[in-house]
Amino acid sequence: MKKLFLINNEEKIPIIIANTWSLKLKGLTFKSNINYGLIIPECISVHTFFMYDNIDIIFFDQFQTILFIYQNVPANKIVAIEENIKKTSVLELPKNTSKGLKIGDKLTFKFEDVI
């Protein structure tokens, strides 16, 4: 089985793709000690209502180029980009895992075989 990872500063963060309506709606709500990321494809806003932990939020384009970064976002916030950029997706990450990344950087995703 193949699993997707984000590679950042030699750290591998497991990634889940929210490819259903229910996964997109639920996101990382009601989770604590988050140790993975979630990609929400073609999305320009997210919320942190019902979140137990702060998270990092990255908006990126179809080339995996970072457009916006929001670090350590607390519960009960709405984060949206004003520009309706086609093919923009969101990556929700555990808090402080986006350190070292900046706008214009390319995200590095890698599929690996997992037993």
PDB file of N, CA and C in Angstrom:
ATOM      1  N   MET A   1       0.839  -1.166   0.000  1.00  0.00           N
ATOM      2  CA  MET A   1       0.000   0.000   0.000  1.00  0.00           C
ATOM      3  C   MET A   1       0.893   1.241   0.000  1.00  0.00           C
ATOM      4  N   LYS A   2       0.473   2.264  -0.751  1.00  0.00           N
ATOM      5  CA  LYS A   2       1.237   3.504  -0.811  1.00  0.00           C
ATOM      6  C   LYS A   2       0.582   4.539   0.083  1.00  0.00           C
ATOM      7  N   LYS A   3       1.432   5.320   0.754  1.00  0.00           N
ATOM      8  CA  LYS A   3       0.965   6.383   1.625  1.00  0.00           C
ATOM      9  C   LYS A   3       1.653   7.667   1.216  1.00  0.00           C
ATOM     10  N   LEU A   4       0.928   8.781   1.329  1.00  0.00           N
ATOM     11  CA  LEU A   4       1.456  10.080   0.938  1.00  0.00           C
ATOM     12  C   LEU A   4       2.088  10.770   2.145  1.00  0.00           C
ATOM     13  N   PHE A   5       3.236  11.411   1.903  1.00  0.00           N
ATOM     14  CA  PHE A   5       3.934  12.156   2.944  1.00  0.00           C
ATOM     15  C   PHE A   5       4.303  13.539   2.418  1.00  0.00           C
ATOM     16  N   LEU A   6       4.327  14.515   3.319  1.00  0.00           N
ATOM     17  CA  LEU A   6       4.920  15.815   3.049  1.00  0.00           C
ATOM     18  C   LEU A   6       6.327  15.764   3.607  1.00  0.00           C
ATOM     19  N   ILE A   7       7.295  16.184   2.822  1.00  0.00           N
ATOM     20  CA  ILE A   7       8.685  16.234   3.282  1.00  0.00           C
ATOM     21  C   ILE A   7       9.010  17.694   3.570  1.00  0.00           C
ATOM     22  N   ASN A   8       9.355  17.989   4.829  1.00  0.00           N
ATOM     23  CA  ASN A   8       9.723  19.347   5.230  1.00  0.00           C
ATOM     24  C   ASN A   8      10.871  19.269   6.227  1.00  0.00           C
ATOM     25  N   ASN A   9      11.991  19.854   5.857  1.00  0.00           N
ATOM     26  CA  ASN A   9      13.171  19.831   6.731  1.00  0.00           C
ATOM     27  C   ASN A   9      13.520  18.406   7.157  1.00  0.00           C
ATOM     28  N   GLU A  10      13.469  17.499   6.220  1.00  0.00           N
ATOM     29  CA  GLU A  10      13.786  16.081   6.436  1.00  0.00           C
ATOM     30  C   GLU A  10      12.805  15.382   7.374  1.00  0.00           C
ATOM     31  N   GLU A  11      11.700  16.059   7.698  1.00  0.00           N
ATOM     32  CA  GLU A  11      10.635  15.427   8.471  1.00  0.00           C
ATOM     33  C   GLU A  11       9.581  14.920   7.491  1.00  0.00           C
ATOM     34  N   LYS A  12       9.077  13.718   7.733  1.00  0.00           N
ATOM     35  CA  LYS A  12       8.028  13.136   6.897  1.00  0.00           C
ATOM     36  C   LYS A  12       6.723  13.195   7.687  1.00  0.00           C
ATOM     37  N   ILE A  13       5.763  13.922   7.146  1.00  0.00           N
ATOM     38  CA  ILE A  13       4.468  14.067   7.791  1.00  0.00           C
ATOM     39  C   ILE A  13       3.439  13.308   6.963  1.00  0.00           C
ATOM     40  N   PRO A  14       2.764  12.314   7.545  1.00  0.00           N
ATOM     41  CA  PRO A  14       1.736  11.589   6.801  1.00  0.00           C
ATOM     42  C   PRO A  14       0.620  12.550   6.367  1.00  0.00           C
ATOM     43  N   ILE A  15       0.098  12.332   5.176  1.00  0.00           N
ATOM     44  CA  ILE A  15      -0.935  13.205   4.613  1.00  0.00           C
ATOM     45  C   ILE A  15      -2.130  12.363   4.181  1.00  0.00           C
ATOM     46  N   ILE A  16      -3.312  12.866   4.501  1.00  0.00           N
ATOM     47  CA  ILE A  16      -4.566  12.278   4.030  1.00  0.00           C
ATOM     48  C   ILE A  16      -5.178  13.280   3.061  1.00  0.00           C
ATOM     49  N   ILE A  17      -5.756  12.785   1.976  1.00  0.00           N
ATOM     50  CA  ILE A  17      -6.437  13.657   1.021  1.00  0.00           C
ATOM     51  C   ILE A  17      -7.934  13.565   1.281  1.00  0.00           C
ATOM     52  N   ALA A  18      -8.544  14.720   1.536  1.00  0.00           N
ATOM     53  CA  ALA A  18      -9.987  14.768   1.774  1.00  0.00           C
ATOM     54  C   ALA A  18     -10.684  14.736   0.423  1.00  0.00           C
ATOM     55  N   ASN A  19     -10.945  13.527  -0.047  1.00  0.00           N
ATOM     56  CA  ASN A  19     -11.515  13.361  -1.383  1.00  0.00           C
ATOM     57  C   ASN A  19     -13.004  13.046  -1.360  1.00  0.00           C
ATOM     58  N   THR A  20     -13.633  13.191  -0.198  1.00  0.00           N
ATOM     59  CA  THR A  20     -15.086  13.039  -0.096  1.00  0.00           C
ATOM     60  C   THR A  20     -15.657  14.265   0.605  1.00  0.00           C
ATOM     61  N   TRP A  21     -16.925  14.512   0.407  1.00  0.00           N
ATOM     62  CA  TRP A  21     -17.582  15.652   1.032  1.00  0.00           C
ATOM     63  C   TRP A  21     -17.483  15.575   2.552  1.00  0.00           C
ATOM     64  N   SER A  22     -17.685  14.393   3.115  1.00  0.00           N
ATOM     65  CA  SER A  22     -17.663  14.266   4.579  1.00  0.00           C
ATOM     66  C   SER A  22     -16.260  14.498   5.147  1.00  0.00           C
ATOM     67  N   LEU A  23     -15.223  14.027   4.455  1.00  0.00           N
ATOM     68  CA  LEU A  23     -13.849  14.295   4.909  1.00  0.00           C
ATOM     69  C   LEU A  23     -13.535  15.789   4.838  1.00  0.00           C
ATOM     70  N   LYS A  24     -14.009  16.448   3.782  1.00  0.00           N
ATOM     71  CA  LYS A  24     -13.787  17.891   3.654  1.00  0.00           C
ATOM     72  C   LYS A  24     -14.492  18.645   4.766  1.00  0.00           C
ATOM     73  N   LEU A  25     -15.706  18.250   5.084  1.00  0.00           N
ATOM     74  CA  LEU A  25     -16.482  18.930   6.110  1.00  0.00           C
ATOM     75  C   LEU A  25     -15.878  18.722   7.494  1.00  0.00           C
ATOM     76  N   LYS A  26     -15.485  17.498   7.790  1.00  0.00           N
ATOM     77  CA  LYS A  26     -14.965  17.172   9.116  1.00  0.00           C
ATOM     78  C   LYS A  26     -13.543  17.692   9.324  1.00  0.00           C
ATOM     79  N   GLY A  27     -12.711  17.594   8.304  1.00  0.00           N
ATOM     80  CA  GLY A  27     -11.335  18.070   8.429  1.00  0.00           C
ATOM     81  C   GLY A  27     -10.641  17.470   9.639  1.00  0.00           C
ATOM     82  N   LEU A  28     -10.032  18.318  10.445  1.00  0.00           N
ATOM     83  CA  LEU A  28      -9.324  17.875  11.645  1.00  0.00           C
ATOM     84  C   LEU A  28     -10.105  18.195  12.924  1.00  0.00           C
ATOM     85  N   THR A  29     -11.409  18.446  12.776  1.00  0.00           N
ATOM     86  CA  THR A  29     -12.211  18.769  13.955  1.00  0.00           C
ATOM     87  C   THR A  29     -12.281  17.580  14.904  1.00  0.00           C
ATOM     88  N   PHE A  30     -12.431  17.908  16.177  1.00  0.00           N
ATOM     89  CA  PHE A  30     -12.571  16.923  17.257  1.00  0.00           C
ATOM     90  C   PHE A  30     -11.345  16.018  17.398  1.00  0.00           C
ATOM     91  N   LYS A  31     -10.209  16.459  16.908  1.00  0.00           N
ATOM     92  CA  LYS A  31      -8.974  15.672  17.017  1.00  0.00           C
ATOM     93  C   LYS A  31      -8.019  16.370  17.984  1.00  0.00           C
ATOM     94  N   SER A  32      -7.282  15.576  18.730  1.00  0.00           N
ATOM     95  CA  SER A  32      -6.227  16.127  19.571  1.00  0.00           C
ATOM     96  C   SER A  32      -4.937  15.373  19.271  1.00  0.00           C
ATOM     97  N   ASN A  33      -3.822  15.974  19.613  1.00  0.00           N
ATOM     98  CA  ASN A  33      -2.512  15.390  19.318  1.00  0.00           C
ATOM     99  C   ASN A  33      -2.395  15.015  17.843  1.00  0.00           C
ATOM    100  N   ILE A  34      -2.712  15.946  16.996  1.00  0.00           N
ATOM    101  CA  ILE A  34      -2.707  15.715  15.542  1.00  0.00           C
ATOM    102  C   ILE A  34      -1.276  15.436  15.095  1.00  0.00           C
ATOM    103  N   ASN A  35      -1.090  14.337  14.360  1.00  0.00           N
ATOM    104  CA  ASN A  35       0.256  13.963  13.902  1.00  0.00           C
ATOM    105  C   ASN A  35       0.291  13.690  12.394  1.00  0.00           C
ATOM    106  N   TYR A  36      -0.672  14.245  11.671  1.00  0.00           N
ATOM    107  CA  TYR A  36      -0.729  14.077  10.219  1.00  0.00           C
ATOM    108  C   TYR A  36      -1.332  15.337   9.618  1.00  0.00           C
ATOM    109  N   GLY A  37      -1.225  15.445   8.306  1.00  0.00           N
ATOM    110  CA  GLY A  37      -1.801  16.580   7.602  1.00  0.00           C
ATOM    111  C   GLY A  37      -2.985  16.152   6.767  1.00  0.00           C
ATOM    112  N   LEU A  38      -3.754  17.131   6.340  1.00  0.00           N
ATOM    113  CA  LEU A  38      -4.935  16.883   5.525  1.00  0.00           C
ATOM    114  C   LEU A  38      -4.951  17.860   4.367  1.00  0.00           C
ATOM    115  N   ILE A  39      -5.051  17.340   3.158  1.00  0.00           N
ATOM    116  CA  ILE A  39      -5.194  18.182   1.967  1.00  0.00           C
ATOM    117  C   ILE A  39      -6.676  18.255   1.625  1.00  0.00           C
ATOM    118  N   ILE A  40      -7.165  19.482   1.448  1.00  0.00           N
ATOM    119  CA  ILE A  40      -8.530  19.694   0.975  1.00  0.00           C
ATOM    120  C   ILE A  40      -8.403  20.296  -0.421  1.00  0.00           C
ATOM    121  N   PRO A  41      -8.661  19.484  -1.453  1.00  0.00           N
ATOM    122  CA  PRO A  41      -8.487  19.961  -2.828  1.00  0.00           C
ATOM    123  C   PRO A  41      -9.482  21.057  -3.194  1.00  0.00           C
ATOM    124  N   GLU A  42      -9.033  21.953  -4.048  1.00  0.00           N
ATOM    125  CA  GLU A  42      -9.855  23.030  -4.600  1.00  0.00           C
ATOM    126  C   GLU A  42     -10.698  23.705  -3.527  1.00  0.00           C
ATOM    127  N   CYS A  43     -10.014  24.386  -2.631  1.00  0.00           N
ATOM    128  CA  CYS A  43     -10.641  24.999  -1.463  1.00  0.00           C
ATOM    129  C   CYS A  43      -9.984  26.352  -1.202  1.00  0.00           C
ATOM    130  N   ILE A  44     -10.796  27.375  -0.873  1.00  0.00           N
ATOM    131  CA  ILE A  44     -10.222  28.692  -0.593  1.00  0.00           C
ATOM    132  C   ILE A  44     -10.542  29.182   0.816  1.00  0.00           C
ATOM    133  N   SER A  45     -11.184  28.335   1.637  1.00  0.00           N
ATOM    134  CA  SER A  45     -11.417  28.728   3.023  1.00  0.00           C
ATOM    135  C   SER A  45     -11.610  27.500   3.901  1.00  0.00           C
ATOM    136  N   VAL A  46     -11.188  27.634   5.155  1.00  0.00           N
ATOM    137  CA  VAL A  46     -11.365  26.568   6.139  1.00  0.00           C
ATOM    138  C   VAL A  46     -11.713  27.228   7.478  1.00  0.00           C
ATOM    139  N   HIS A  47     -12.207  26.415   8.397  1.00  0.00           N
ATOM    140  CA  HIS A  47     -12.506  26.917   9.738  1.00  0.00           C
ATOM    141  C   HIS A  47     -11.814  26.022  10.761  1.00  0.00           C
ATOM    142  N   THR A  48     -11.693  26.551  11.966  1.00  0.00           N
ATOM    143  CA  THR A  48     -11.113  25.759  13.046  1.00  0.00           C
ATOM    144  C   THR A  48     -12.101  25.595  14.201  1.00  0.00           C
ATOM    145  N   PHE A  49     -13.389  25.677  13.891  1.00  0.00           N
ATOM    146  CA  PHE A  49     -14.395  25.427  14.911  1.00  0.00           C
ATOM    147  C   PHE A  49     -14.307  23.965  15.345  1.00  0.00           C
ATOM    148  N   PHE A  50     -14.483  23.727  16.622  1.00  0.00           N
ATOM    149  CA  PHE A  50     -14.458  22.383  17.204  1.00  0.00           C
ATOM    150  C   PHE A  50     -13.081  21.722  17.107  1.00  0.00           C
ATOM    151  N   MET A  51     -12.045  22.538  17.003  1.00  0.00           N
ATOM    152  CA  MET A  51     -10.675  22.016  16.982  1.00  0.00           C
ATOM    153  C   MET A  51     -10.156  21.982  18.413  1.00  0.00           C
ATOM    154  N   TYR A  52      -9.440  20.932  18.753  1.00  0.00           N
ATOM    155  CA  TYR A  52      -8.837  20.814  20.077  1.00  0.00           C
ATOM    156  C   TYR A  52      -7.406  21.339  20.095  1.00  0.00           C
ATOM    157  N   ASP A  53      -6.743  21.325  18.956  1.00  0.00           N
ATOM    158  CA  ASP A  53      -5.361  21.799  18.842  1.00  0.00           C
ATOM    159  C   ASP A  53      -5.285  22.923  17.820  1.00  0.00           C
ATOM    160  N   ASN A  54      -4.292  23.796  17.979  1.00  0.00           N
ATOM    161  CA  ASN A  54      -3.979  24.765  16.937  1.00  0.00           C
ATOM    162  C   ASN A  54      -3.409  24.012  15.739  1.00  0.00           C
ATOM    163  N   ILE A  55      -3.533  24.610  14.558  1.00  0.00           N
ATOM    164  CA  ILE A  55      -2.999  23.982  13.350  1.00  0.00           C
ATOM    165  C   ILE A  55      -2.303  25.032  12.490  1.00  0.00           C
ATOM    166  N   ASP A  56      -1.487  24.561  11.555  1.00  0.00           N
ATOM    167  CA  ASP A  56      -0.917  25.398  10.504  1.00  0.00           C
ATOM    168  C   ASP A  56      -1.766  25.181   9.262  1.00  0.00           C
ATOM    169  N   ILE A  57      -1.988  26.263   8.509  1.00  0.00           N
ATOM    170  CA  ILE A  57      -2.812  26.190   7.303  1.00  0.00           C
ATOM    171  C   ILE A  57      -2.013  26.772   6.147  1.00  0.00           C
ATOM    172  N   ILE A  58      -1.899  25.985   5.076  1.00  0.00           N
ATOM    173  CA  ILE A  58      -1.162  26.424   3.887  1.00  0.00           C
ATOM    174  C   ILE A  58      -2.089  26.337   2.682  1.00  0.00           C
ATOM    175  N   PHE A  59      -2.214  27.434   1.948  1.00  0.00           N
ATOM    176  CA  PHE A  59      -2.919  27.426   0.675  1.00  0.00           C
ATOM    177  C   PHE A  59      -1.866  27.292  -0.415  1.00  0.00           C
ATOM    178  N   PHE A  60      -2.107  26.380  -1.372  1.00  0.00           N
ATOM    179  CA  PHE A  60      -1.133  26.161  -2.438  1.00  0.00           C
ATOM    180  C   PHE A  60      -1.848  25.937  -3.762  1.00  0.00           C
ATOM    181  N   ASP A  61      -1.102  26.138  -4.858  1.00  0.00           N
ATOM    182  CA  ASP A  61      -1.702  26.009  -6.188  1.00  0.00           C
ATOM    183  C   ASP A  61      -1.451  24.625  -6.782  1.00  0.00           C
ATOM    184  N   GLN A  62      -1.863  24.445  -8.037  1.00  0.00           N
ATOM    185  CA  GLN A  62      -1.758  23.136  -8.688  1.00  0.00           C
ATOM    186  C   GLN A  62      -0.316  22.710  -8.942  1.00  0.00           C
ATOM    187  N   PHE A  63       0.627  23.632  -8.764  1.00  0.00           N
ATOM    188  CA  PHE A  63       2.044  23.304  -8.919  1.00  0.00           C
ATOM    189  C   PHE A  63       2.715  23.086  -7.564  1.00  0.00           C
ATOM    190  N   GLN A  64       1.906  23.007  -6.505  1.00  0.00           N
ATOM    191  CA  GLN A  64       2.356  22.841  -5.115  1.00  0.00           C
ATOM    192  C   GLN A  64       3.166  24.040  -4.617  1.00  0.00           C
ATOM    193  N   THR A  65       2.942  25.206  -5.219  1.00  0.00           N
ATOM    194  CA  THR A  65       3.600  26.424  -4.784  1.00  0.00           C
ATOM    195  C   THR A  65       2.761  27.068  -3.679  1.00  0.00           C
ATOM    196  N   ILE A  66       3.417  27.430  -2.581  1.00  0.00           N
ATOM    197  CA  ILE A  66       2.717  28.026  -1.451  1.00  0.00           C
ATOM    198  C   ILE A  66       2.284  29.450  -1.790  1.00  0.00           C
ATOM    199  N   LEU A  67       0.978  29.705  -1.593  1.00  0.00           N
ATOM    200  CA  LEU A  67       0.415  31.027  -1.835  1.00  0.00           C
ATOM    201  C   LEU A  67       0.237  31.824  -0.542  1.00  0.00           C
ATOM    202  N   PHE A  68      -0.178  31.135   0.517  1.00  0.00           N
ATOM    203  CA  PHE A  68      -0.410  31.762   1.820  1.00  0.00           C
ATOM    204  C   PHE A  68      -0.086  30.752   2.911  1.00  0.00           C
ATOM    205  N   ILE A  69       0.434  31.251   4.035  1.00  0.00           N
ATOM    206  CA  ILE A  69       0.721  30.391   5.196  1.00  0.00           C
ATOM    207  C   ILE A  69       0.157  31.065   6.439  1.00  0.00           C
ATOM    208  N   TYR A  70      -0.523  30.291   7.242  1.00  0.00           N
ATOM    209  CA  TYR A  70      -1.031  30.751   8.535  1.00  0.00           C
ATOM    210  C   TYR A  70      -0.544  29.741   9.567  1.00  0.00           C
ATOM    211  N   GLN A  71       0.257  30.200  10.522  1.00  0.00           N
ATOM    212  CA  GLN A  71       0.853  29.287  11.494  1.00  0.00           C
ATOM    213  C   GLN A  71       0.161  29.387  12.844  1.00  0.00           C
ATOM    214  N   ASN A  72       0.033  28.221  13.474  1.00  0.00           N
ATOM    215  CA  ASN A  72      -0.463  28.118  14.839  1.00  0.00           C
ATOM    216  C   ASN A  72      -1.841  28.776  15.000  1.00  0.00           C
ATOM    217  N   VAL A  73      -2.757  28.443  14.091  1.00  0.00           N
ATOM    218  CA  VAL A  73      -4.098  29.025  14.094  1.00  0.00           C
ATOM    219  C   VAL A  73      -4.926  28.380  15.215  1.00  0.00           C
ATOM    220  N   PRO A  74      -5.490  29.197  16.103  1.00  0.00           N
ATOM    221  CA  PRO A  74      -6.267  28.642  17.213  1.00  0.00           C
ATOM    222  C   PRO A  74      -7.685  28.244  16.786  1.00  0.00           C
ATOM    223  N   ALA A  75      -8.389  27.640  17.712  1.00  0.00           N
ATOM    224  CA  ALA A  75      -9.776  27.223  17.473  1.00  0.00           C
ATOM    225  C   ALA A  75     -10.669  28.439  17.219  1.00  0.00           C
ATOM    226  N   ASN A  76     -11.791  28.164  16.555  1.00  0.00           N
ATOM    227  CA  ASN A  76     -12.864  29.143  16.336  1.00  0.00           C
ATOM    228  C   ASN A  76     -12.488  30.290  15.410  1.00  0.00           C
ATOM    229  N   LYS A  77     -11.698  29.979  14.401  1.00  0.00           N
ATOM    230  CA  LYS A  77     -11.313  30.975  13.401  1.00  0.00           C
ATOM    231  C   LYS A  77     -11.767  30.506  12.022  1.00  0.00           C
ATOM    232  N   ILE A  78     -11.964  31.473  11.141  1.00  0.00           N
ATOM    233  CA  ILE A  78     -12.183  31.191   9.726  1.00  0.00           C
ATOM    234  C   ILE A  78     -10.997  31.773   8.983  1.00  0.00           C
ATOM    235  N   VAL A  79     -10.374  30.970   8.149  1.00  0.00           N
ATOM    236  CA  VAL A  79      -9.229  31.414   7.357  1.00  0.00           C
ATOM    237  C   VAL A  79      -9.617  31.276   5.896  1.00  0.00           C
ATOM    238  N   ALA A  80      -9.574  32.393   5.190  1.00  0.00           N
ATOM    239  CA  ALA A  80      -9.969  32.390   3.784  1.00  0.00           C
ATOM    240  C   ALA A  80      -9.034  33.294   3.000  1.00  0.00           C
ATOM    241  N   ILE A  81      -8.894  32.979   1.727  1.00  0.00           N
ATOM    242  CA  ILE A  81      -8.146  33.876   0.857  1.00  0.00           C
ATOM    243  C   ILE A  81      -9.164  34.617   0.006  1.00  0.00           C
ATOM    244  N   GLU A  82      -8.917  35.883  -0.222  1.00  0.00           N
ATOM    245  CA  GLU A  82      -9.862  36.697  -0.983  1.00  0.00           C
ATOM    246  C   GLU A  82      -9.825  36.379  -2.465  1.00  0.00           C
ATOM    247  N   GLU A  83      -8.660  36.040  -2.951  1.00  0.00           N
ATOM    248  CA  GLU A  83      -8.524  35.739  -4.367  1.00  0.00           C
ATOM    249  C   GLU A  83      -9.158  34.384  -4.657  1.00  0.00           C
ATOM    250  N   ASN A  84      -9.969  34.322  -5.664  1.00  0.00           N
ATOM    251  CA  ASN A  84     -10.559  33.049  -6.076  1.00  0.00           C
ATOM    252  C   ASN A  84      -9.642  32.428  -7.120  1.00  0.00           C
ATOM    253  N   ILE A  85      -8.521  31.934  -6.653  1.00  0.00           N
ATOM    254  CA  ILE A  85      -7.508  31.363  -7.533  1.00  0.00           C
ATOM    255  C   ILE A  85      -7.909  29.935  -7.878  1.00  0.00           C
ATOM    256  N   LYS A  86      -8.059  29.660  -9.145  1.00  0.00           N
ATOM    257  CA  LYS A  86      -8.440  28.308  -9.557  1.00  0.00           C
ATOM    258  C   LYS A  86      -7.374  27.305  -9.145  1.00  0.00           C
ATOM    259  N   LYS A  87      -7.838  26.141  -8.789  1.00  0.00           N
ATOM    260  CA  LYS A  87      -6.960  25.027  -8.426  1.00  0.00           C
ATOM    261  C   LYS A  87      -6.199  25.275  -7.124  1.00  0.00           C
ATOM    262  N   THR A  88      -6.701  26.175  -6.264  1.00  0.00           N
ATOM    263  CA  THR A  88      -6.084  26.374  -4.960  1.00  0.00           C
ATOM    264  C   THR A  88      -6.561  25.277  -4.021  1.00  0.00           C
ATOM    265  N   SER A  89      -5.641  24.695  -3.279  1.00  0.00           N
ATOM    266  CA  SER A  89      -5.964  23.672  -2.291  1.00  0.00           C
ATOM    267  C   SER A  89      -5.432  24.104  -0.941  1.00  0.00           C
ATOM    268  N   VAL A  90      -5.890  23.435   0.101  1.00  0.00           N
ATOM    269  CA  VAL A  90      -5.468  23.750   1.458  1.00  0.00           C
ATOM    270  C   VAL A  90      -4.784  22.534   2.060  1.00  0.00           C
ATOM    271  N   LEU A  91      -3.720  22.792   2.794  1.00  0.00           N
ATOM    272  CA  LEU A  91      -3.039  21.762   3.564  1.00  0.00           C
ATOM    273  C   LEU A  91      -3.125  22.163   5.029  1.00  0.00           C
ATOM    274  N   GLU A  92      -3.822  21.358   5.827  1.00  0.00           N
ATOM    275  CA  GLU A  92      -3.891  21.567   7.268  1.00  0.00           C
ATOM    276  C   GLU A  92      -2.840  20.661   7.903  1.00  0.00           C
ATOM    277  N   LEU A  93      -2.036  21.246   8.783  1.00  0.00           N
ATOM    278  CA  LEU A  93      -0.921  20.511   9.395  1.00  0.00           C
ATOM    279  C   LEU A  93      -0.948  20.676  10.912  1.00  0.00           C
ATOM    280  N   PRO A  94      -0.298  19.765  11.627  1.00  0.00           N
ATOM    281  CA  PRO A  94      -0.128  19.983  13.066  1.00  0.00           C
ATOM    282  C   PRO A  94       0.581  21.315  13.300  1.00  0.00           C
ATOM    283  N   LYS A  95       0.268  21.944  14.424  1.00  0.00           N
ATOM    284  CA  LYS A  95       0.839  23.261  14.715  1.00  0.00           C
ATOM    285  C   LYS A  95       2.369  23.229  14.652  1.00  0.00           C
ATOM    286  N   ASN A  96       2.900  24.305  14.110  1.00  0.00           N
ATOM    287  CA  ASN A  96       4.349  24.553  14.019  1.00  0.00           C
ATOM    288  C   ASN A  96       5.108  23.617  13.085  1.00  0.00           C
ATOM    289  N   THR A  97       4.430  22.836  12.264  1.00  0.00           N
ATOM    290  CA  THR A  97       5.165  21.964  11.336  1.00  0.00           C
ATOM    291  C   THR A  97       5.474  22.663  10.013  1.00  0.00           C
ATOM    292  N   SER A  98       4.954  23.864   9.824  1.00  0.00           N
ATOM    293  CA  SER A  98       5.254  24.585   8.580  1.00  0.00           C
ATOM    294  C   SER A  98       6.439  25.536   8.744  1.00  0.00           C
ATOM    295  N   LYS A  99       7.092  25.465   9.911  1.00  0.00           N
ATOM    296  CA  LYS A  99       8.264  26.327  10.117  1.00  0.00           C
ATOM    297  C   LYS A  99       9.302  26.049   9.037  1.00  0.00           C
ATOM    298  N   GLY A 100       9.907  27.098   8.566  1.00  0.00           N
ATOM    299  CA  GLY A 100      10.910  26.955   7.522  1.00  0.00           C
ATOM    300  C   GLY A 100      10.328  27.093   6.129  1.00  0.00           C
ATOM    301  N   LEU A 101       9.007  27.022   6.014  1.00  0.00           N
ATOM    302  CA  LEU A 101       8.358  27.210   4.711  1.00  0.00           C
ATOM    303  C   LEU A 101       7.946  28.667   4.569  1.00  0.00           C
ATOM    304  N   LYS A 102       7.928  29.144   3.307  1.00  0.00           N
ATOM    305  CA  LYS A 102       7.515  30.519   3.063  1.00  0.00           C
ATOM    306  C   LYS A 102       6.755  30.602   1.742  1.00  0.00           C
ATOM    307  N   ILE A 103       6.058  31.695   1.566  1.00  0.00           N
ATOM    308  CA  ILE A 103       5.302  31.920   0.331  1.00  0.00           C
ATOM    309  C   ILE A 103       6.261  31.819  -0.852  1.00  0.00           C
ATOM    310  N   GLY A 104       5.852  31.079  -1.873  1.00  0.00           N
ATOM    311  CA  GLY A 104       6.680  30.871  -3.065  1.00  0.00           C
ATOM    312  C   GLY A 104       7.426  29.554  -3.055  1.00  0.00           C
ATOM    313  N   ASP A 105       7.599  28.950  -1.877  1.00  0.00           N
ATOM    314  CA  ASP A 105       8.237  27.624  -1.805  1.00  0.00           C
ATOM    315  C   ASP A 105       7.327  26.581  -2.447  1.00  0.00           C
ATOM    316  N   LYS A 106       7.946  25.520  -2.945  1.00  0.00           N
ATOM    317  CA  LYS A 106       7.184  24.378  -3.460  1.00  0.00           C
ATOM    318  C   LYS A 106       7.110  23.310  -2.388  1.00  0.00           C
ATOM    319  N   LEU A 107       5.905  22.804  -2.177  1.00  0.00           N
ATOM    320  CA  LEU A 107       5.726  21.692  -1.245  1.00  0.00           C
ATOM    321  C   LEU A 107       6.233  20.417  -1.898  1.00  0.00           C
ATOM    322  N   THR A 108       6.823  19.556  -1.113  1.00  0.00           N
ATOM    323  CA  THR A 108       7.342  18.286  -1.613  1.00  0.00           C
ATOM    324  C   THR A 108       6.514  17.154  -1.028  1.00  0.00           C
ATOM    325  N   PHE A 109       5.749  16.488  -1.901  1.00  0.00           N
ATOM    326  CA  PHE A 109       4.966  15.335  -1.498  1.00  0.00           C
ATOM    327  C   PHE A 109       5.604  14.097  -2.099  1.00  0.00           C
ATOM    328  N   LYS A 110       5.516  12.993  -1.361  1.00  0.00           N
ATOM    329  CA  LYS A 110       6.127  11.761  -1.828  1.00  0.00           C
ATOM    330  C   LYS A 110       5.256  10.582  -1.409  1.00  0.00           C
ATOM    331  N   PHE A 111       5.014   9.685  -2.354  1.00  0.00           N
ATOM    332  CA  PHE A 111       4.341   8.437  -2.044  1.00  0.00           C
ATOM    333  C   PHE A 111       5.398   7.399  -1.660  1.00  0.00           C
ATOM    334  N   GLU A 112       5.124   6.650  -0.589  1.00  0.00           N
ATOM    335  CA  GLU A 112       6.038   5.589  -0.177  1.00  0.00           C
ATOM    336  C   GLU A 112       5.233   4.329   0.092  1.00  0.00           C
ATOM    337  N   ASP A 113       5.880   3.203  -0.161  1.00  0.00           N
ATOM    338  CA  ASP A 113       5.271   1.918   0.174  1.00  0.00           C
ATOM    339  C   ASP A 113       5.278   1.744   1.675  1.00  0.00           C
ATOM    340  N   VAL A 114       4.144   1.362   2.218  1.00  0.00           N
ATOM    341  CA  VAL A 114       4.013   1.128   3.648  1.00  0.00           C
ATOM    342  C   VAL A 114       3.465  -0.283   3.849  1.00  0.00           C
ATOM    343  N   ILE A 115       4.043  -0.975   4.800  1.00  0.00           N
ATOM    344  CA  ILE A 115       3.586  -2.345   5.065  1.00  0.00           C
ATOM    345  C   ILE A 115       2.572  -2.323   6.176  1.00  0.00           C
TER     346      ILE A 115
END
